[in-house]
Amino acid sequence: MSLSASSFLRAAARLRRSSSRWPSTYPNLHMGLAASTKRNVYISSDPRYSDIQRITAHDPDNWLYPWAIFDAMMKDGKTSEAFAYIFYSVHHSCLASAHLSKVLQEMRQRKIPLDSNMLGELISRAIYNNNLELSLRYLYLLRSQNHSPIPTDSVQPIITLAARQNHSRLAIDIALWYDSVGEKLPKSVWTLCLASAATTLYTEGILVSWSKIHSFPDTTLTCGLLTVVLQATKRLKLPELSDEVERTLHTQTRETSSI
């Protein structure tokens, strides 16, 4: 017996209400819906269609199904919405790299902009792959959209990655820019910047990071980091800061040994 589009819609809506997890075990439902939508010109105007889109978009095990219903959505002229759901489906799949490139390429061809949520997801993926250059491109796009404020969880990982890769000047420049637009980064970020600046002997970076850390109520640093900073300040001939770091290190060492 063949099922109508409305039957698939009712079943999917029922499934969505009764399940606490996105169903990866109902491929026939998705594929049946995909076939039926192509026979119904305005099926995506049905409000229940949004449930179908969300189910498939958050179903990483069945990432192919949003592609199957893509033609039906495009047929109704819902271009931006269609790409958004395909983007999220492919992004969360284990086969994302090649397919995500295809989605982004088609979005560029159709002049469909990436929204702030998409750019945040792309930054996260670039960071996960240790691709600093790509994450910076997406951050630039996010800045160009004039979103205020830019979420900390989109900026902080870039600074962290740059610092860990010993691009200390870049990490601190981004941190200072973000600080200048009124957003406060946590002490842990400035600690990483200080470690990176000390490792690369970046004088301005050491001074700025040290100052930022001491704007927090808790200025405690590990003895290991203080030792690295002390060595850097001596090599860079920064006597005042060197004396301050040495005093801090001695004080902290005494406190640690007395515990």
C-alpha atoms as a PDB file:
ATOM      1  CA  MET A   1       0.000   0.000   0.000  1.00  0.00           C
ATOM      2  CA  SER A   2       1.412   3.385  -0.952  1.00  0.00           C
ATOM      3  CA  LEU A   3       1.375   6.126   1.658  1.00  0.00           C
ATOM      4  CA  SER A   4       0.408   9.702   0.881  1.00  0.00           C
ATOM      5  CA  ALA A   5       2.497  12.714   1.788  1.00  0.00           C
ATOM      6  CA  SER A   6       0.052  13.627   4.559  1.00  0.00           C
ATOM      7  CA  SER A   7       0.489  10.142   6.036  1.00  0.00           C
ATOM      8  CA  PHE A   8       4.245  10.631   6.199  1.00  0.00           C
ATOM      9  CA  LEU A   9       3.788  14.064   7.716  1.00  0.00           C
ATOM     10  CA  ARG A  10       1.439  12.802  10.417  1.00  0.00           C
ATOM     11  CA  ALA A  11       3.753   9.894  11.221  1.00  0.00           C
ATOM     12  CA  ALA A  12       6.792  12.139  11.425  1.00  0.00           C
ATOM     13  CA  ALA A  13       5.022  14.680  13.622  1.00  0.00           C
ATOM     14  CA  ARG A  14       3.888  11.871  15.928  1.00  0.00           C
ATOM     15  CA  LEU A  15       7.407  10.455  16.007  1.00  0.00           C
ATOM     16  CA  ARG A  16       8.865  13.851  16.848  1.00  0.00           C
ATOM     17  CA  ARG A  17       6.507  14.304  19.808  1.00  0.00           C
ATOM     18  CA  SER A  18       7.039  10.824  21.214  1.00  0.00           C
ATOM     19  CA  SER A  19      10.822  10.560  20.921  1.00  0.00           C
ATOM     20  CA  SER A  20      13.460  12.246  23.062  1.00  0.00           C
ATOM     21  CA  ARG A  21      16.187  11.642  20.484  1.00  0.00           C
ATOM     22  CA  TRP A  22      16.485  12.325  16.787  1.00  0.00           C
ATOM     23  CA  PRO A  23      15.437   9.119  14.990  1.00  0.00           C
ATOM     24  CA  SER A  24      18.260   7.534  13.062  1.00  0.00           C
ATOM     25  CA  THR A  25      16.329   4.282  12.700  1.00  0.00           C
ATOM     26  CA  TYR A  26      13.544   5.399  10.386  1.00  0.00           C
ATOM     27  CA  PRO A  27      15.163   5.775   6.950  1.00  0.00           C
ATOM     28  CA  ASN A  28      12.061   4.520   5.124  1.00  0.00           C
ATOM     29  CA  LEU A  29      10.046   7.357   6.613  1.00  0.00           C
ATOM     30  CA  HIS A  30      12.505   9.935   5.325  1.00  0.00           C
ATOM     31  CA  MET A  31      12.870   8.402   1.897  1.00  0.00           C
ATOM     32  CA  GLY A  32       9.133   7.913   1.541  1.00  0.00           C
ATOM     33  CA  LEU A  33       8.588  11.531   2.440  1.00  0.00           C
ATOM     34  CA  ALA A  34      11.224  12.611  -0.063  1.00  0.00           C
ATOM     35  CA  ALA A  35       9.442  10.723  -2.845  1.00  0.00           C
ATOM     36  CA  SER A  36       6.021  12.022  -1.889  1.00  0.00           C
ATOM     37  CA  THR A  37       7.113  15.652  -1.660  1.00  0.00           C
ATOM     38  CA  LYS A  38       8.251  15.588  -5.268  1.00  0.00           C
ATOM     39  CA  ARG A  39       4.681  14.696  -6.255  1.00  0.00           C
ATOM     40  CA  ASN A  40       3.184  17.556  -4.243  1.00  0.00           C
ATOM     41  CA  VAL A  41       4.109  20.989  -5.509  1.00  0.00           C
ATOM     42  CA  TYR A  42       3.434  22.978  -2.330  1.00  0.00           C
ATOM     43  CA  ILE A  43       4.061  20.349   0.322  1.00  0.00           C
ATOM     44  CA  SER A  44       6.604  22.501   2.174  1.00  0.00           C
ATOM     45  CA  SER A  45       3.912  25.076   2.940  1.00  0.00           C
ATOM     46  CA  ASP A  46       2.509  22.564   5.438  1.00  0.00           C
ATOM     47  CA  PRO A  47       3.630  23.708   8.920  1.00  0.00           C
ATOM     48  CA  ARG A  48       4.391  20.105   9.899  1.00  0.00           C
ATOM     49  CA  TYR A  49       7.098  20.120   7.246  1.00  0.00           C
ATOM     50  CA  SER A  50       9.329  22.031   9.671  1.00  0.00           C
ATOM     51  CA  ASP A  51       9.354  18.998  11.948  1.00  0.00           C
ATOM     52  CA  ILE A  52      10.502  16.838   9.052  1.00  0.00           C
ATOM     53  CA  GLN A  53      13.279  19.302   8.248  1.00  0.00           C
ATOM     54  CA  ARG A  54      14.503  19.379  11.833  1.00  0.00           C
ATOM     55  CA  ILE A  55      14.424  15.604  12.157  1.00  0.00           C
ATOM     56  CA  THR A  56      16.570  15.075   9.090  1.00  0.00           C
ATOM     57  CA  ALA A  57      18.876  18.028   9.775  1.00  0.00           C
ATOM     58  CA  HIS A  58      19.823  16.685  13.218  1.00  0.00           C
ATOM     59  CA  ASP A  59      20.167  13.084  12.142  1.00  0.00           C
ATOM     60  CA  PRO A  60      23.914  12.543  11.576  1.00  0.00           C
ATOM     61  CA  ASP A  61      23.505   8.849  10.847  1.00  0.00           C
ATOM     62  CA  ASN A  62      21.203   9.583   7.930  1.00  0.00           C
ATOM     63  CA  TRP A  63      22.773  12.730   6.516  1.00  0.00           C
ATOM     64  CA  LEU A  64      21.712  11.740   2.981  1.00  0.00           C
ATOM     65  CA  TYR A  65      18.009  12.252   3.590  1.00  0.00           C
ATOM     66  CA  PRO A  66      18.061  16.066   3.751  1.00  0.00           C
ATOM     67  CA  TRP A  67      19.709  15.913   0.339  1.00  0.00           C
ATOM     68  CA  ALA A  68      16.836  13.713  -0.822  1.00  0.00           C
ATOM     69  CA  ILE A  69      14.229  16.306   0.168  1.00  0.00           C
ATOM     70  CA  PHE A  70      16.359  19.222  -1.009  1.00  0.00           C
ATOM     71  CA  ASP A  71      14.870  19.224  -4.510  1.00  0.00           C
ATOM     72  CA  ALA A  72      11.363  19.402  -3.095  1.00  0.00           C
ATOM     73  CA  MET A  73      12.236  22.390  -0.942  1.00  0.00           C
ATOM     74  CA  MET A  74      14.003  24.136  -3.811  1.00  0.00           C
ATOM     75  CA  LYS A  75      10.948  23.540  -5.962  1.00  0.00           C
ATOM     76  CA  ASP A  76       8.909  25.684  -3.576  1.00  0.00           C
ATOM     77  CA  GLY A  77      11.539  28.420  -3.669  1.00  0.00           C
ATOM     78  CA  LYS A  78      12.712  27.994  -0.062  1.00  0.00           C
ATOM     79  CA  THR A  79      16.349  28.271  -1.037  1.00  0.00           C
ATOM     80  CA  SER A  80      17.863  29.722   2.144  1.00  0.00           C
ATOM     81  CA  GLU A  81      15.904  27.402   4.395  1.00  0.00           C
ATOM     82  CA  ALA A  82      16.810  24.382   2.272  1.00  0.00           C
ATOM     83  CA  PHE A  83      20.515  25.139   2.453  1.00  0.00           C
ATOM     84  CA  ALA A  84      20.350  25.806   6.191  1.00  0.00           C
ATOM     85  CA  TYR A  85      18.977  22.361   6.980  1.00  0.00           C
ATOM     86  CA  ILE A  86      21.370  20.614   4.620  1.00  0.00           C
ATOM     87  CA  PHE A  87      24.261  22.583   6.128  1.00  0.00           C
ATOM     88  CA  TYR A  88      23.464  21.447   9.662  1.00  0.00           C
ATOM     89  CA  SER A  89      22.879  17.852   8.615  1.00  0.00           C
ATOM     90  CA  VAL A  90      26.176  17.599   6.762  1.00  0.00           C
ATOM     91  CA  HIS A  91      28.045  19.508   9.471  1.00  0.00           C
ATOM     92  CA  HIS A  92      27.029  16.960  12.098  1.00  0.00           C
ATOM     93  CA  SER A  93      27.751  13.922   9.940  1.00  0.00           C
ATOM     94  CA  CYS A  94      30.974  11.909  10.023  1.00  0.00           C
ATOM     95  CA  LEU A  95      31.371  12.477   6.276  1.00  0.00           C
ATOM     96  CA  ALA A  96      31.141  16.240   6.561  1.00  0.00           C
ATOM     97  CA  SER A  97      34.306  17.466   4.853  1.00  0.00           C
ATOM     98  CA  ALA A  98      33.569  16.717   1.197  1.00  0.00           C
ATOM     99  CA  HIS A  99      29.817  17.229   1.445  1.00  0.00           C
ATOM    100  CA  LEU A 100      30.148  20.430   3.463  1.00  0.00           C
ATOM    101  CA  SER A 101      32.406  21.863   0.757  1.00  0.00           C
ATOM    102  CA  LYS A 102      29.709  21.107  -1.805  1.00  0.00           C
ATOM    103  CA  VAL A 103      27.029  22.820   0.274  1.00  0.00           C
ATOM    104  CA  LEU A 104      29.208  25.912   0.764  1.00  0.00           C
ATOM    105  CA  GLN A 105      30.064  26.006  -2.933  1.00  0.00           C
ATOM    106  CA  GLU A 106      26.397  25.888  -3.930  1.00  0.00           C
ATOM    107  CA  MET A 107      25.543  28.578  -1.377  1.00  0.00           C
ATOM    108  CA  ARG A 108      28.202  30.849  -2.885  1.00  0.00           C
ATOM    109  CA  GLN A 109      26.903  30.203  -6.390  1.00  0.00           C
ATOM    110  CA  ARG A 110      23.369  31.122  -5.327  1.00  0.00           C
ATOM    111  CA  LYS A 111      24.628  34.138  -3.320  1.00  0.00           C
ATOM    112  CA  ILE A 112      23.141  32.798  -0.094  1.00  0.00           C
ATOM    113  CA  PRO A 113      25.031  34.244   2.901  1.00  0.00           C
ATOM    114  CA  LEU A 114      26.141  32.216   5.887  1.00  0.00           C
ATOM    115  CA  ASP A 115      24.332  33.296   9.029  1.00  0.00           C
ATOM    116  CA  SER A 116      26.056  33.801  12.373  1.00  0.00           C
ATOM    117  CA  ASN A 117      25.100  30.340  13.650  1.00  0.00           C
ATOM    118  CA  MET A 118      26.548  28.664  10.556  1.00  0.00           C
ATOM    119  CA  LEU A 119      29.762  30.663  10.863  1.00  0.00           C
ATOM    120  CA  GLY A 120      30.036  29.680  14.518  1.00  0.00           C
ATOM    121  CA  GLU A 121      29.688  26.010  13.540  1.00  0.00           C
ATOM    122  CA  LEU A 122      32.318  26.423  10.818  1.00  0.00           C
ATOM    123  CA  ILE A 123      34.735  28.072  13.249  1.00  0.00           C
ATOM    124  CA  SER A 124      34.259  25.153  15.647  1.00  0.00           C
ATOM    125  CA  ARG A 125      34.977  22.623  12.896  1.00  0.00           C
ATOM    126  CA  ALA A 126      38.080  24.530  11.749  1.00  0.00           C
ATOM    127  CA  ILE A 127      39.363  24.676  15.332  1.00  0.00           C
ATOM    128  CA  TYR A 128      38.688  20.952  15.780  1.00  0.00           C
ATOM    129  CA  ASN A 129      40.840  20.326  12.694  1.00  0.00           C
ATOM    130  CA  ASN A 130      43.560  22.706  13.988  1.00  0.00           C
ATOM    131  CA  ASN A 131      42.996  24.891  10.922  1.00  0.00           C
ATOM    132  CA  LEU A 132      43.802  28.351  12.254  1.00  0.00           C
ATOM    133  CA  GLU A 133      43.781  30.053   8.858  1.00  0.00           C
ATOM    134  CA  LEU A 134      40.294  28.816   8.005  1.00  0.00           C
ATOM    135  CA  SER A 135      38.921  29.768  11.412  1.00  0.00           C
ATOM    136  CA  LEU A 136      40.263  33.295  10.887  1.00  0.00           C
ATOM    137  CA  ARG A 137      38.481  33.545   7.531  1.00  0.00           C
ATOM    138  CA  TYR A 138      35.185  32.645   9.151  1.00  0.00           C
ATOM    139  CA  LEU A 139      35.819  35.073  12.013  1.00  0.00           C
ATOM    140  CA  TYR A 140      36.403  37.830   9.447  1.00  0.00           C
ATOM    141  CA  LEU A 141      33.067  36.986   7.793  1.00  0.00           C
ATOM    142  CA  LEU A 142      31.380  37.041  11.190  1.00  0.00           C
ATOM    143  CA  ARG A 143      32.856  40.472  11.938  1.00  0.00           C
ATOM    144  CA  SER A 144      31.797  41.793   8.527  1.00  0.00           C
ATOM    145  CA  GLN A 145      28.164  40.961   9.328  1.00  0.00           C
ATOM    146  CA  ASN A 146      28.310  43.494  12.171  1.00  0.00           C
ATOM    147  CA  HIS A 147      26.931  41.081  14.747  1.00  0.00           C
ATOM    148  CA  SER A 148      27.290  42.646  18.163  1.00  0.00           C
ATOM    149  CA  PRO A 149      28.437  41.085  20.286  1.00  0.00           C
ATOM    150  CA  ILE A 150      30.221  38.199  18.622  1.00  0.00           C
ATOM    151  CA  PRO A 151      29.811  35.164  20.906  1.00  0.00           C
ATOM    152  CA  THR A 152      32.790  34.437  23.124  1.00  0.00           C
ATOM    153  CA  ASP A 153      32.662  30.767  22.158  1.00  0.00           C
ATOM    154  CA  SER A 154      33.404  31.776  18.554  1.00  0.00           C
ATOM    155  CA  VAL A 155      36.423  33.938  19.446  1.00  0.00           C
ATOM    156  CA  GLN A 156      38.017  32.268  22.461  1.00  0.00           C
ATOM    157  CA  PRO A 157      38.897  28.983  20.663  1.00  0.00           C
ATOM    158  CA  ILE A 158      40.672  30.918  17.895  1.00  0.00           C
ATOM    159  CA  ILE A 159      42.792  32.813  20.420  1.00  0.00           C
ATOM    160  CA  THR A 160      43.533  29.571  22.249  1.00  0.00           C
ATOM    161  CA  LEU A 161      44.590  27.774  19.065  1.00  0.00           C
ATOM    162  CA  ALA A 162      46.785  30.682  17.941  1.00  0.00           C
ATOM    163  CA  ALA A 163      48.463  30.843  21.354  1.00  0.00           C
ATOM    164  CA  ARG A 164      49.076  27.097  21.463  1.00  0.00           C
ATOM    165  CA  GLN A 165      50.591  27.227  17.990  1.00  0.00           C
ATOM    166  CA  ASN A 166      52.869  30.023  19.302  1.00  0.00           C
ATOM    167  CA  HIS A 167      51.349  32.723  17.084  1.00  0.00           C
ATOM    168  CA  SER A 168      51.509  34.944  20.135  1.00  0.00           C
ATOM    169  CA  ARG A 169      51.184  38.288  18.349  1.00  0.00           C
ATOM    170  CA  LEU A 170      48.093  37.101  16.474  1.00  0.00           C
ATOM    171  CA  ALA A 171      46.496  35.625  19.593  1.00  0.00           C
ATOM    172  CA  ILE A 172      47.019  38.801  21.602  1.00  0.00           C
ATOM    173  CA  ASP A 173      45.893  41.087  18.767  1.00  0.00           C
ATOM    174  CA  ILE A 174      42.597  39.190  18.518  1.00  0.00           C
ATOM    175  CA  ALA A 175      42.209  39.195  22.301  1.00  0.00           C
ATOM    176  CA  LEU A 176      42.827  42.955  22.486  1.00  0.00           C
ATOM    177  CA  TRP A 177      40.379  43.595  19.643  1.00  0.00           C
ATOM    178  CA  TYR A 178      37.706  41.533  21.382  1.00  0.00           C
ATOM    179  CA  ASP A 179      38.441  43.313  24.636  1.00  0.00           C
ATOM    180  CA  SER A 180      38.107  46.682  22.865  1.00  0.00           C
ATOM    181  CA  VAL A 181      34.542  45.950  21.733  1.00  0.00           C
ATOM    182  CA  GLY A 182      33.476  45.533  25.340  1.00  0.00           C
ATOM    183  CA  GLU A 183      33.757  41.780  25.768  1.00  0.00           C
ATOM    184  CA  LYS A 184      35.770  40.360  28.667  1.00  0.00           C
ATOM    185  CA  LEU A 185      37.778  37.217  28.074  1.00  0.00           C
ATOM    186  CA  PRO A 186      38.437  34.835  30.974  1.00  0.00           C
ATOM    187  CA  LYS A 187      41.753  34.786  32.780  1.00  0.00           C
ATOM    188  CA  SER A 188      42.583  31.392  31.261  1.00  0.00           C
ATOM    189  CA  VAL A 189      42.814  32.964  27.791  1.00  0.00           C
ATOM    190  CA  TRP A 190      45.252  35.633  28.948  1.00  0.00           C
ATOM    191  CA  THR A 191      47.266  32.953  30.748  1.00  0.00           C
ATOM    192  CA  LEU A 192      47.678  31.086  27.450  1.00  0.00           C
ATOM    193  CA  CYS A 193      48.614  34.357  25.743  1.00  0.00           C
ATOM    194  CA  LEU A 194      51.232  35.033  28.418  1.00  0.00           C
ATOM    195  CA  ALA A 195      52.720  31.560  28.006  1.00  0.00           C
ATOM    196  CA  SER A 196      52.843  31.956  24.230  1.00  0.00           C
ATOM    197  CA  ALA A 197      54.380  35.443  24.421  1.00  0.00           C
ATOM    198  CA  ALA A 198      57.025  34.255  26.885  1.00  0.00           C
ATOM    199  CA  THR A 199      57.884  31.272  24.704  1.00  0.00           C
ATOM    200  CA  THR A 200      58.263  33.450  21.589  1.00  0.00           C
ATOM    201  CA  LEU A 201      59.938  36.320  23.508  1.00  0.00           C
ATOM    202  CA  TYR A 202      57.244  38.777  22.433  1.00  0.00           C
ATOM    203  CA  THR A 203      57.864  41.736  24.742  1.00  0.00           C
ATOM    204  CA  GLU A 204      54.622  43.651  24.223  1.00  0.00           C
ATOM    205  CA  GLY A 205      52.637  40.462  24.525  1.00  0.00           C
ATOM    206  CA  ILE A 206      54.214  39.597  27.878  1.00  0.00           C
ATOM    207  CA  LEU A 207      53.531  43.081  29.250  1.00  0.00           C
ATOM    208  CA  VAL A 208      49.922  43.175  28.036  1.00  0.00           C
ATOM    209  CA  SER A 209      49.070  39.649  29.148  1.00  0.00           C
ATOM    210  CA  TRP A 210      50.635  40.143  32.579  1.00  0.00           C
ATOM    211  CA  SER A 211      48.649  43.341  33.037  1.00  0.00           C
ATOM    212  CA  LYS A 212      45.385  41.698  31.945  1.00  0.00           C
ATOM    213  CA  ILE A 213      45.879  38.758  34.299  1.00  0.00           C
ATOM    214  CA  HIS A 214      46.394  41.149  37.191  1.00  0.00           C
ATOM    215  CA  SER A 215      43.037  42.797  36.490  1.00  0.00           C
ATOM    216  CA  PHE A 216      41.335  39.651  37.819  1.00  0.00           C
ATOM    217  CA  PRO A 217      40.705  39.045  41.535  1.00  0.00           C
ATOM    218  CA  ASP A 218      42.669  35.798  41.388  1.00  0.00           C
ATOM    219  CA  THR A 219      46.093  36.389  39.844  1.00  0.00           C
ATOM    220  CA  THR A 220      47.542  32.988  40.704  1.00  0.00           C
ATOM    221  CA  LEU A 221      49.727  31.376  38.033  1.00  0.00           C
ATOM    222  CA  THR A 222      51.532  28.060  38.092  1.00  0.00           C
ATOM    223  CA  CYS A 223      55.139  28.036  39.227  1.00  0.00           C
ATOM    224  CA  GLY A 224      56.091  26.495  35.901  1.00  0.00           C
ATOM    225  CA  LEU A 225      54.598  29.378  33.926  1.00  0.00           C
ATOM    226  CA  LEU A 226      56.120  31.963  36.262  1.00  0.00           C
ATOM    227  CA  THR A 227      59.525  30.372  35.717  1.00  0.00           C
ATOM    228  CA  VAL A 228      59.128  30.577  31.928  1.00  0.00           C
ATOM    229  CA  VAL A 229      58.015  34.212  32.157  1.00  0.00           C
ATOM    230  CA  LEU A 230      60.912  35.035  34.489  1.00  0.00           C
ATOM    231  CA  GLN A 231      63.434  33.564  32.056  1.00  0.00           C
ATOM    232  CA  ALA A 232      61.860  35.510  29.178  1.00  0.00           C
ATOM    233  CA  THR A 233      61.893  38.830  31.043  1.00  0.00           C
ATOM    234  CA  LYS A 234      65.555  38.381  31.912  1.00  0.00           C
ATOM    235  CA  ARG A 235      66.454  37.608  28.288  1.00  0.00           C
ATOM    236  CA  LEU A 236      64.420  40.584  27.068  1.00  0.00           C
ATOM    237  CA  LYS A 237      66.001  42.854  29.701  1.00  0.00           C
ATOM    238  CA  LEU A 238      62.766  43.854  31.435  1.00  0.00           C
ATOM    239  CA  PRO A 239      64.149  44.437  34.959  1.00  0.00           C
ATOM    240  CA  GLU A 240      60.997  45.815  36.608  1.00  0.00           C
ATOM    241  CA  LEU A 241      58.747  43.036  35.411  1.00  0.00           C
ATOM    242  CA  SER A 242      61.461  40.486  36.052  1.00  0.00           C
ATOM    243  CA  ASP A 243      61.673  41.573  39.702  1.00  0.00           C
ATOM    244  CA  GLU A 244      57.869  41.444  40.040  1.00  0.00           C
ATOM    245  CA  VAL A 245      57.670  37.970  38.531  1.00  0.00           C
ATOM    246  CA  GLU A 246      60.507  36.760  40.753  1.00  0.00           C
ATOM    247  CA  ARG A 247      58.792  38.082  43.888  1.00  0.00           C
ATOM    248  CA  THR A 248      55.541  36.443  42.833  1.00  0.00           C
ATOM    249  CA  LEU A 249      57.314  33.154  42.188  1.00  0.00           C
ATOM    250  CA  HIS A 250      59.064  33.191  45.575  1.00  0.00           C
ATOM    251  CA  THR A 251      55.835  34.052  47.392  1.00  0.00           C
ATOM    252  CA  GLN A 252      53.892  31.368  45.606  1.00  0.00           C
ATOM    253  CA  THR A 253      56.622  28.778  46.180  1.00  0.00           C
ATOM    254  CA  ARG A 254      56.597  29.504  49.935  1.00  0.00           C
ATOM    255  CA  GLU A 255      52.803  29.265  50.076  1.00  0.00           C
ATOM    256  CA  THR A 256      52.848  25.979  48.192  1.00  0.00           C
ATOM    257  CA  SER A 257      55.548  24.447  50.393  1.00  0.00           C
ATOM    258  CA  SER A 258      53.710  25.444  53.580  1.00  0.00           C
ATOM    259  CA  ILE A 259      50.559  23.572  52.597  1.00  0.00           C
END
